[in-house]
Amino acid sequence: MATDHTPDDENQRIYARHKRHHEAAKAELEEVRKRAADDLLAGSTPAELAKLTGLSDEFFRRIARNVGAERKREPTVGREIEAKRAQAAEPSK
């Protein structure tokens, strides 16, 4: 579907502005990851950081797991809990 259409000047400016914004946000995300690792190790929760940044809790939970930050509570879903349930369901020998 190739055409010879070129967006007008206003649209090109908007697209270029969006691209700059996206590239800046991507670069800043690395800084957020580094600082979040420090804060999570110091005791901040993923929920607190998510609220401050607008990023998801899961984004910060993954960082916390990667850096070995202490958990505030036991997991309620996922592989770890399924393994514990399976182990508890095994008959005792």
PDB file of N, CA and C in Angstrom:
ATOM      1  N   MET A   1       0.837  -1.181   0.000  1.00  0.00           N
ATOM      2  CA  MET A   1       0.000   0.000   0.000  1.00  0.00           C
ATOM      3  C   MET A   1       0.881   1.243   0.000  1.00  0.00           C
ATOM      4  N   ALA A   2       1.873   1.253  -0.796  1.00  0.00           N
ATOM      5  CA  ALA A   2       2.769   2.402  -0.902  1.00  0.00           C
ATOM      6  C   ALA A   2       2.072   3.533  -1.641  1.00  0.00           C
ATOM      7  N   THR A   3       2.241   4.719  -1.099  1.00  0.00           N
ATOM      8  CA  THR A   3       1.681   5.908  -1.744  1.00  0.00           C
ATOM      9  C   THR A   3       2.749   6.990  -1.747  1.00  0.00           C
ATOM     10  N   ASP A   4       2.449   8.034  -2.440  1.00  0.00           N
ATOM     11  CA  ASP A   4       3.391   9.153  -2.450  1.00  0.00           C
ATOM     12  C   ASP A   4       2.934  10.257  -1.498  1.00  0.00           C
ATOM     13  N   HIS A   5       2.052   9.886  -0.531  1.00  0.00           N
ATOM     14  CA  HIS A   5       1.551  10.866   0.436  1.00  0.00           C
ATOM     15  C   HIS A   5       2.635  11.206   1.456  1.00  0.00           C
ATOM     16  N   THR A   6       2.758  12.470   1.747  1.00  0.00           N
ATOM     17  CA  THR A   6       3.644  12.957   2.794  1.00  0.00           C
ATOM     18  C   THR A   6       2.799  13.772   3.758  1.00  0.00           C
ATOM     19  N   PRO A   7       2.873  13.473   5.076  1.00  0.00           N
ATOM     20  CA  PRO A   7       2.102  14.253   6.039  1.00  0.00           C
ATOM     21  C   PRO A   7       2.453  15.739   5.947  1.00  0.00           C
ATOM     22  N   ASP A   8       1.453  16.558   6.253  1.00  0.00           N
ATOM     23  CA  ASP A   8       1.708  18.002   6.191  1.00  0.00           C
ATOM     24  C   ASP A   8       2.675  18.420   7.303  1.00  0.00           C
ATOM     25  N   ASP A   9       3.129  19.661   7.256  1.00  0.00           N
ATOM     26  CA  ASP A   9       4.148  20.151   8.192  1.00  0.00           C
ATOM     27  C   ASP A   9       3.714  20.019   9.649  1.00  0.00           C
ATOM     28  N   GLU A  10       2.453  20.362   9.934  1.00  0.00           N
ATOM     29  CA  GLU A  10       1.960  20.284  11.313  1.00  0.00           C
ATOM     30  C   GLU A  10       2.016  18.841  11.821  1.00  0.00           C
ATOM     31  N   ASN A  11       1.558  17.900  11.021  1.00  0.00           N
ATOM     32  CA  ASN A  11       1.601  16.495  11.432  1.00  0.00           C
ATOM     33  C   ASN A  11       3.037  16.018  11.604  1.00  0.00           C
ATOM     34  N   GLN A  12       3.924  16.418  10.727  1.00  0.00           N
ATOM     35  CA  GLN A  12       5.327  16.025  10.855  1.00  0.00           C
ATOM     36  C   GLN A  12       5.934  16.556  12.148  1.00  0.00           C
ATOM     37  N   ARG A  13       5.562  17.779  12.536  1.00  0.00           N
ATOM     38  CA  ARG A  13       6.055  18.348  13.801  1.00  0.00           C
ATOM     39  C   ARG A  13       5.541  17.533  14.987  1.00  0.00           C
ATOM     40  N   ILE A  14       4.261  17.175  14.932  1.00  0.00           N
ATOM     41  CA  ILE A  14       3.675  16.391  16.026  1.00  0.00           C
ATOM     42  C   ILE A  14       4.348  15.026  16.119  1.00  0.00           C
ATOM     43  N   TYR A  15       4.548  14.372  14.981  1.00  0.00           N
ATOM     44  CA  TYR A  15       5.199  13.062  14.979  1.00  0.00           C
ATOM     45  C   TYR A  15       6.623  13.163  15.513  1.00  0.00           C
ATOM     46  N   ALA A  16       7.340  14.175  15.108  1.00  0.00           N
ATOM     47  CA  ALA A  16       8.718  14.362  15.573  1.00  0.00           C
ATOM     48  C   ALA A  16       8.751  14.640  17.075  1.00  0.00           C
ATOM     49  N   ARG A  17       7.802  15.441  17.562  1.00  0.00           N
ATOM     50  CA  ARG A  17       7.732  15.747  18.994  1.00  0.00           C
ATOM     51  C   ARG A  17       7.449  14.472  19.785  1.00  0.00           C
ATOM     52  N   HIS A  18       6.523  13.663  19.279  1.00  0.00           N
ATOM     53  CA  HIS A  18       6.198  12.405  19.952  1.00  0.00           C
ATOM     54  C   HIS A  18       7.419  11.479  19.985  1.00  0.00           C
ATOM     55  N   LYS A  19       8.142  11.408  18.899  1.00  0.00           N
ATOM     56  CA  LYS A  19       9.334  10.557  18.837  1.00  0.00           C
ATOM     57  C   LYS A  19      10.372  11.005  19.860  1.00  0.00           C
ATOM     58  N   ARG A  20      10.598  12.312  19.965  1.00  0.00           N
ATOM     59  CA  ARG A  20      11.557  12.832  20.950  1.00  0.00           C
ATOM     60  C   ARG A  20      11.106  12.490  22.368  1.00  0.00           C
ATOM     61  N   HIS A  21       9.811  12.671  22.617  1.00  0.00           N
ATOM     62  CA  HIS A  21       9.256  12.361  23.935  1.00  0.00           C
ATOM     63  C   HIS A  21       9.454  10.876  24.255  1.00  0.00           C
ATOM     64  N   HIS A  22       9.134  10.010  23.298  1.00  0.00           N
ATOM     65  CA  HIS A  22       9.253   8.567  23.495  1.00  0.00           C
ATOM     66  C   HIS A  22      10.710   8.171  23.760  1.00  0.00           C
ATOM     67  N   GLU A  23      11.636   8.724  23.016  1.00  0.00           N
ATOM     68  CA  GLU A  23      13.057   8.409  23.206  1.00  0.00           C
ATOM     69  C   GLU A  23      13.553   8.899  24.563  1.00  0.00           C
ATOM     70  N   ALA A  24      13.097  10.075  24.978  1.00  0.00           N
ATOM     71  CA  ALA A  24      13.500  10.607  26.283  1.00  0.00           C
ATOM     72  C   ALA A  24      12.931   9.746  27.410  1.00  0.00           C
ATOM     73  N   ALA A  25      11.676   9.336  27.271  1.00  0.00           N
ATOM     74  CA  ALA A  25      11.052   8.494  28.292  1.00  0.00           C
ATOM     75  C   ALA A  25      11.770   7.152  28.393  1.00  0.00           C
ATOM     76  N   LYS A  26      12.161   6.602  27.274  1.00  0.00           N
ATOM     77  CA  LYS A  26      12.874   5.323  27.262  1.00  0.00           C
ATOM     78  C   LYS A  26      14.219   5.451  27.973  1.00  0.00           C
ATOM     79  N   ALA A  27      14.925   6.531  27.716  1.00  0.00           N
ATOM     80  CA  ALA A  27      16.212   6.764  28.374  1.00  0.00           C
ATOM     81  C   ALA A  27      16.024   6.974  29.874  1.00  0.00           C
ATOM     82  N   GLU A  28      14.975   7.671  30.251  1.00  0.00           N
ATOM     83  CA  GLU A  28      14.715   7.949  31.658  1.00  0.00           C
ATOM     84  C   GLU A  28      14.316   6.683  32.409  1.00  0.00           C
ATOM     85  N   LEU A  29      13.695   5.750  31.721  1.00  0.00           N
ATOM     86  CA  LEU A  29      13.257   4.514  32.356  1.00  0.00           C
ATOM     87  C   LEU A  29      14.440   3.742  32.944  1.00  0.00           C
ATOM     88  N   GLU A  30      15.574   3.782  32.305  1.00  0.00           N
ATOM     89  CA  GLU A  30      16.767   3.123  32.846  1.00  0.00           C
ATOM     90  C   GLU A  30      17.183   3.755  34.170  1.00  0.00           C
ATOM     91  N   GLU A  31      17.089   5.069  34.247  1.00  0.00           N
ATOM     92  CA  GLU A  31      17.414   5.765  35.497  1.00  0.00           C
ATOM     93  C   GLU A  31      16.408   5.387  36.581  1.00  0.00           C
ATOM     94  N   VAL A  32      15.139   5.277  36.210  1.00  0.00           N
ATOM     95  CA  VAL A  32      14.103   4.867  37.166  1.00  0.00           C
ATOM     96  C   VAL A  32      14.415   3.467  37.690  1.00  0.00           C
ATOM     97  N   ARG A  33      14.797   2.554  36.812  1.00  0.00           N
ATOM     98  CA  ARG A  33      15.132   1.183  37.235  1.00  0.00           C
ATOM     99  C   ARG A  33      16.267   1.185  38.266  1.00  0.00           C
ATOM    100  N   LYS A  34      17.306   1.949  37.999  1.00  0.00           N
ATOM    101  CA  LYS A  34      18.455   1.991  38.909  1.00  0.00           C
ATOM    102  C   LYS A  34      18.059   2.555  40.271  1.00  0.00           C
ATOM    103  N   ARG A  35      17.339   3.650  40.250  1.00  0.00           N
ATOM    104  CA  ARG A  35      16.945   4.276  41.511  1.00  0.00           C
ATOM    105  C   ARG A  35      15.935   3.425  42.266  1.00  0.00           C
ATOM    106  N   ALA A  36      15.034   2.774  41.520  1.00  0.00           N
ATOM    107  CA  ALA A  36      14.034   1.911  42.150  1.00  0.00           C
ATOM    108  C   ALA A  36      14.708   0.744  42.862  1.00  0.00           C
ATOM    109  N   ALA A  37      15.737   0.181  42.255  1.00  0.00           N
ATOM    110  CA  ALA A  37      16.457  -0.926  42.893  1.00  0.00           C
ATOM    111  C   ALA A  37      16.985  -0.485  44.255  1.00  0.00           C
ATOM    112  N   ASP A  38      17.576   0.689  44.314  1.00  0.00           N
ATOM    113  CA  ASP A  38      18.095   1.208  45.583  1.00  0.00           C
ATOM    114  C   ASP A  38      16.971   1.418  46.593  1.00  0.00           C
ATOM    115  N   ASP A  39      15.868   2.030  46.149  1.00  0.00           N
ATOM    116  CA  ASP A  39      14.758   2.303  47.061  1.00  0.00           C
ATOM    117  C   ASP A  39      14.087   1.023  47.542  1.00  0.00           C
ATOM    118  N   LEU A  40      13.960   0.039  46.664  1.00  0.00           N
ATOM    119  CA  LEU A  40      13.350  -1.230  47.064  1.00  0.00           C
ATOM    120  C   LEU A  40      14.224  -1.952  48.084  1.00  0.00           C
ATOM    121  N   LEU A  41      15.520  -1.916  47.891  1.00  0.00           N
ATOM    122  CA  LEU A  41      16.433  -2.521  48.870  1.00  0.00           C
ATOM    123  C   LEU A  41      16.389  -1.773  50.201  1.00  0.00           C
ATOM    124  N   ALA A  42      16.107  -0.475  50.145  1.00  0.00           N
ATOM    125  CA  ALA A  42      16.044   0.340  51.362  1.00  0.00           C
ATOM    126  C   ALA A  42      14.709   0.201  52.090  1.00  0.00           C
ATOM    127  N   GLY A  43      13.711  -0.453  51.445  1.00  0.00           N
ATOM    128  CA  GLY A  43      12.446  -0.683  52.137  1.00  0.00           C
ATOM    129  C   GLY A  43      11.200  -0.144  51.479  1.00  0.00           C
ATOM    130  N   SER A  44      11.319   0.577  50.388  1.00  0.00           N
ATOM    131  CA  SER A  44      10.120   1.039  49.682  1.00  0.00           C
ATOM    132  C   SER A  44       9.380  -0.158  49.107  1.00  0.00           C
ATOM    133  N   THR A  45       8.076  -0.015  48.934  1.00  0.00           N
ATOM    134  CA  THR A  45       7.290  -1.103  48.346  1.00  0.00           C
ATOM    135  C   THR A  45       7.053  -0.830  46.867  1.00  0.00           C
ATOM    136  N   PRO A  46       6.822  -1.883  46.097  1.00  0.00           N
ATOM    137  CA  PRO A  46       6.475  -1.687  44.688  1.00  0.00           C
ATOM    138  C   PRO A  46       5.242  -0.797  44.512  1.00  0.00           C
ATOM    139  N   ALA A  47       4.266  -0.944  45.387  1.00  0.00           N
ATOM    140  CA  ALA A  47       3.048  -0.134  45.281  1.00  0.00           C
ATOM    141  C   ALA A  47       3.350   1.351  45.481  1.00  0.00           C
ATOM    142  N   GLU A  48       4.234   1.665  46.421  1.00  0.00           N
ATOM    143  CA  GLU A  48       4.597   3.067  46.652  1.00  0.00           C
ATOM    144  C   GLU A  48       5.256   3.671  45.418  1.00  0.00           C
ATOM    145  N   LEU A  49       6.198   2.930  44.837  1.00  0.00           N
ATOM    146  CA  LEU A  49       6.904   3.447  43.663  1.00  0.00           C
ATOM    147  C   LEU A  49       5.977   3.530  42.455  1.00  0.00           C
ATOM    148  N   ALA A  50       5.066   2.582  42.336  1.00  0.00           N
ATOM    149  CA  ALA A  50       4.100   2.613  41.233  1.00  0.00           C
ATOM    150  C   ALA A  50       3.231   3.863  41.329  1.00  0.00           C
ATOM    151  N   LYS A  51       2.814   4.177  42.539  1.00  0.00           N
ATOM    152  CA  LYS A  51       1.969   5.363  42.737  1.00  0.00           C
ATOM    153  C   LYS A  51       2.728   6.647  42.388  1.00  0.00           C
ATOM    154  N   LEU A  52       3.997   6.691  42.711  1.00  0.00           N
ATOM    155  CA  LEU A  52       4.802   7.883  42.436  1.00  0.00           C
ATOM    156  C   LEU A  52       5.111   8.071  40.956  1.00  0.00           C
ATOM    157  N   THR A  53       5.226   6.961  40.223  1.00  0.00           N
ATOM    158  CA  THR A  53       5.675   7.047  38.834  1.00  0.00           C
ATOM    159  C   THR A  53       4.593   6.866  37.786  1.00  0.00           C
ATOM    160  N   GLY A  54       3.504   6.211  38.157  1.00  0.00           N
ATOM    161  CA  GLY A  54       2.490   5.880  37.160  1.00  0.00           C
ATOM    162  C   GLY A  54       2.795   4.580  36.432  1.00  0.00           C
ATOM    163  N   LEU A  55       3.898   3.937  36.781  1.00  0.00           N
ATOM    164  CA  LEU A  55       4.225   2.623  36.225  1.00  0.00           C
ATOM    165  C   LEU A  55       3.510   1.556  37.050  1.00  0.00           C
ATOM    166  N   SER A  56       3.490   0.329  36.564  1.00  0.00           N
ATOM    167  CA  SER A  56       2.734  -0.726  37.242  1.00  0.00           C
ATOM    168  C   SER A  56       3.481  -1.288  38.452  1.00  0.00           C
ATOM    169  N   ASP A  57       2.700  -1.840  39.390  1.00  0.00           N
ATOM    170  CA  ASP A  57       3.290  -2.534  40.534  1.00  0.00           C
ATOM    171  C   ASP A  57       4.201  -3.654  40.051  1.00  0.00           C
ATOM    172  N   GLU A  58       3.745  -4.368  39.018  1.00  0.00           N
ATOM    173  CA  GLU A  58       4.517  -5.509  38.517  1.00  0.00           C
ATOM    174  C   GLU A  58       5.889  -5.081  38.008  1.00  0.00           C
ATOM    175  N   PHE A  59       5.987  -3.925  37.392  1.00  0.00           N
ATOM    176  CA  PHE A  59       7.283  -3.399  36.938  1.00  0.00           C
ATOM    177  C   PHE A  59       8.260  -3.357  38.113  1.00  0.00           C
ATOM    178  N   PHE A  60       7.788  -2.854  39.245  1.00  0.00           N
ATOM    179  CA  PHE A  60       8.652  -2.718  40.416  1.00  0.00           C
ATOM    180  C   PHE A  60       8.830  -4.040  41.158  1.00  0.00           C
ATOM    181  N   ARG A  61       7.823  -4.925  41.128  1.00  0.00           N
ATOM    182  CA  ARG A  61       7.993  -6.246  41.736  1.00  0.00           C
ATOM    183  C   ARG A  61       9.106  -7.020  41.033  1.00  0.00           C
ATOM    184  N   ARG A  62       9.159  -6.913  39.721  1.00  0.00           N
ATOM    185  CA  ARG A  62      10.222  -7.604  38.974  1.00  0.00           C
ATOM    186  C   ARG A  62      11.600  -7.074  39.346  1.00  0.00           C
ATOM    187  N   ILE A  63      11.696  -5.765  39.487  1.00  0.00           N
ATOM    188  CA  ILE A  63      12.975  -5.175  39.907  1.00  0.00           C
ATOM    189  C   ILE A  63      13.335  -5.687  41.298  1.00  0.00           C
ATOM    190  N   ALA A  64      12.352  -5.704  42.196  1.00  0.00           N
ATOM    191  CA  ALA A  64      12.595  -6.160  43.569  1.00  0.00           C
ATOM    192  C   ALA A  64      13.098  -7.601  43.589  1.00  0.00           C
ATOM    193  N   ARG A  65      12.475  -8.462  42.803  1.00  0.00           N
ATOM    194  CA  ARG A  65      12.928  -9.858  42.748  1.00  0.00           C
ATOM    195  C   ARG A  65      14.350  -9.948  42.199  1.00  0.00           C
ATOM    196  N   ASN A  66      14.636  -9.167  41.163  1.00  0.00           N
ATOM    197  CA  ASN A  66      15.967  -9.218  40.542  1.00  0.00           C
ATOM    198  C   ASN A  66      17.082  -8.772  41.480  1.00  0.00           C
ATOM    199  N   VAL A  67      16.788  -7.811  42.343  1.00  0.00           N
ATOM    200  CA  VAL A  67      17.835  -7.309  43.246  1.00  0.00           C
ATOM    201  C   VAL A  67      17.801  -7.982  44.615  1.00  0.00           C
ATOM    202  N   GLY A  68      16.840  -8.882  44.816  1.00  0.00           N
ATOM    203  CA  GLY A  68      16.763  -9.609  46.080  1.00  0.00           C
ATOM    204  C   GLY A  68      16.217  -8.796  47.231  1.00  0.00           C
ATOM    205  N   ALA A  69      15.350  -7.836  46.936  1.00  0.00           N
ATOM    206  CA  ALA A  69      14.746  -7.034  48.002  1.00  0.00           C
ATOM    207  C   ALA A  69      13.843  -7.924  48.852  1.00  0.00           C
ATOM    208  N   GLU A  70      13.814  -7.653  50.139  1.00  0.00           N
ATOM    209  CA  GLU A  70      13.005  -8.437  51.062  1.00  0.00           C
ATOM    210  C   GLU A  70      11.524  -8.264  50.745  1.00  0.00           C
ATOM    211  N   ARG A  71      10.810  -9.368  50.750  1.00  0.00           N
ATOM    212  CA  ARG A  71       9.365  -9.312  50.486  1.00  0.00           C
ATOM    213  C   ARG A  71       8.637  -8.829  51.724  1.00  0.00           C
ATOM    214  N   LYS A  72       7.598  -8.048  51.502  1.00  0.00           N
ATOM    215  CA  LYS A  72       6.791  -7.553  52.611  1.00  0.00           C
ATOM    216  C   LYS A  72       5.733  -8.579  53.012  1.00  0.00           C
ATOM    217  N   ARG A  73       5.369  -9.467  52.069  1.00  0.00           N
ATOM    218  CA  ARG A  73       4.397 -10.522  52.343  1.00  0.00           C
ATOM    219  C   ARG A  73       4.706 -11.700  51.432  1.00  0.00           C
ATOM    220  N   GLU A  74       4.171 -12.840  51.782  1.00  0.00           N
ATOM    221  CA  GLU A  74       4.335 -14.032  50.960  1.00  0.00           C
ATOM    222  C   GLU A  74       3.511 -13.891  49.685  1.00  0.00           C
ATOM    223  N   PRO A  75       3.972 -14.482  48.586  1.00  0.00           N
ATOM    224  CA  PRO A  75       3.185 -14.427  47.349  1.00  0.00           C
ATOM    225  C   PRO A  75       1.884 -15.213  47.504  1.00  0.00           C
ATOM    226  N   THR A  76       0.854 -14.791  46.783  1.00  0.00           N
ATOM    227  CA  THR A  76      -0.444 -15.474  46.837  1.00  0.00           C
ATOM    228  C   THR A  76      -0.773 -16.174  45.532  1.00  0.00           C
ATOM    229  N   VAL A  77      -0.032 -15.904  44.472  1.00  0.00           N
ATOM    230  CA  VAL A  77      -0.224 -16.564  43.184  1.00  0.00           C
ATOM    231  C   VAL A  77       1.135 -16.813  42.548  1.00  0.00           C
ATOM    232  N   GLY A  78       1.148 -17.647  41.534  1.00  0.00           N
ATOM    233  CA  GLY A  78       2.385 -17.864  40.797  1.00  0.00           C
ATOM    234  C   GLY A  78       3.020 -19.205  41.082  1.00  0.00           C
ATOM    235  N   ARG A  79       4.178 -19.395  40.482  1.00  0.00           N
ATOM    236  CA  ARG A  79       4.879 -20.680  40.569  1.00  0.00           C
ATOM    237  C   ARG A  79       5.240 -21.058  41.995  1.00  0.00           C
ATOM    238  N   GLU A  80       5.694 -20.105  42.769  1.00  0.00           N
ATOM    239  CA  GLU A  80       6.131 -20.427  44.129  1.00  0.00           C
ATOM    240  C   GLU A  80       4.984 -20.956  44.973  1.00  0.00           C
ATOM    241  N   ILE A  81       3.854 -20.306  44.893  1.00  0.00           N
ATOM    242  CA  ILE A  81       2.715 -20.726  45.708  1.00  0.00           C
ATOM    243  C   ILE A  81       2.154 -22.048  45.204  1.00  0.00           C
ATOM    244  N   GLU A  82       2.161 -22.258  43.895  1.00  0.00           N
ATOM    245  CA  GLU A  82       1.691 -23.533  43.341  1.00  0.00           C
ATOM    246  C   GLU A  82       2.593 -24.674  43.797  1.00  0.00           C
ATOM    247  N   ALA A  83       3.891 -24.445  43.840  1.00  0.00           N
ATOM    248  CA  ALA A  83       4.828 -25.469  44.310  1.00  0.00           C
ATOM    249  C   ALA A  83       4.576 -25.793  45.779  1.00  0.00           C
ATOM    250  N   LYS A  84       4.314 -24.780  46.591  1.00  0.00           N
ATOM    251  CA  LYS A  84       4.022 -25.005  48.010  1.00  0.00           C
ATOM    252  C   LYS A  84       2.733 -25.789  48.180  1.00  0.00           C
ATOM    253  N   ARG A  85       1.709 -25.448  47.380  1.00  0.00           N
ATOM    254  CA  ARG A  85       0.431 -26.169  47.465  1.00  0.00           C
ATOM    255  C   ARG A  85       0.601 -27.624  47.048  1.00  0.00           C
ATOM    256  N   ALA A  86       1.373 -27.856  45.997  1.00  0.00           N
ATOM    257  CA  ALA A  86       1.596 -29.226  45.530  1.00  0.00           C
ATOM    258  C   ALA A  86       2.364 -30.028  46.578  1.00  0.00           C
ATOM    259  N   GLN A  87       3.329 -29.394  47.203  1.00  0.00           N
ATOM    260  CA  GLN A  87       4.121 -30.064  48.229  1.00  0.00           C
ATOM    261  C   GLN A  87       3.248 -30.397  49.437  1.00  0.00           C
ATOM    262  N   ALA A  88       2.360 -29.491  49.816  1.00  0.00           N
ATOM    263  CA  ALA A  88       1.477 -29.718  50.954  1.00  0.00           C
ATOM    264  C   ALA A  88       0.457 -30.813  50.659  1.00  0.00           C
ATOM    265  N   ALA A  89       0.086 -30.978  49.398  1.00  0.00           N
ATOM    266  CA  ALA A  89      -0.913 -31.973  49.015  1.00  0.00           C
ATOM    267  C   ALA A  89      -0.333 -33.377  48.918  1.00  0.00           C
ATOM    268  N   GLU A  90       0.997 -33.509  48.849  1.00  0.00           N
ATOM    269  CA  GLU A  90       1.624 -34.826  48.762  1.00  0.00           C
ATOM    270  C   GLU A  90       1.412 -35.578  50.068  1.00  0.00           C
ATOM    271  N   PRO A  91       1.116 -36.867  49.954  1.00  0.00           N
ATOM    272  CA  PRO A  91       0.934 -37.649  51.186  1.00  0.00           C
ATOM    273  C   PRO A  91       2.254 -37.771  51.949  1.00  0.00           C
ATOM    274  N   SER A  92       2.166 -37.737  53.251  1.00  0.00           N
ATOM    275  CA  SER A  92       3.360 -37.863  54.102  1.00  0.00           C
ATOM    276  C   SER A  92       3.873 -39.284  54.055  1.00  0.00           C
ATOM    277  N   LYS A  93       5.180 -39.423  54.141  1.00  0.00           N
ATOM    278  CA  LYS A  93       5.792 -40.763  54.125  1.00  0.00           C
ATOM    279  C   LYS A  93       6.251 -41.151  55.489  1.00  0.00           C
TER     280      LYS A  93
END
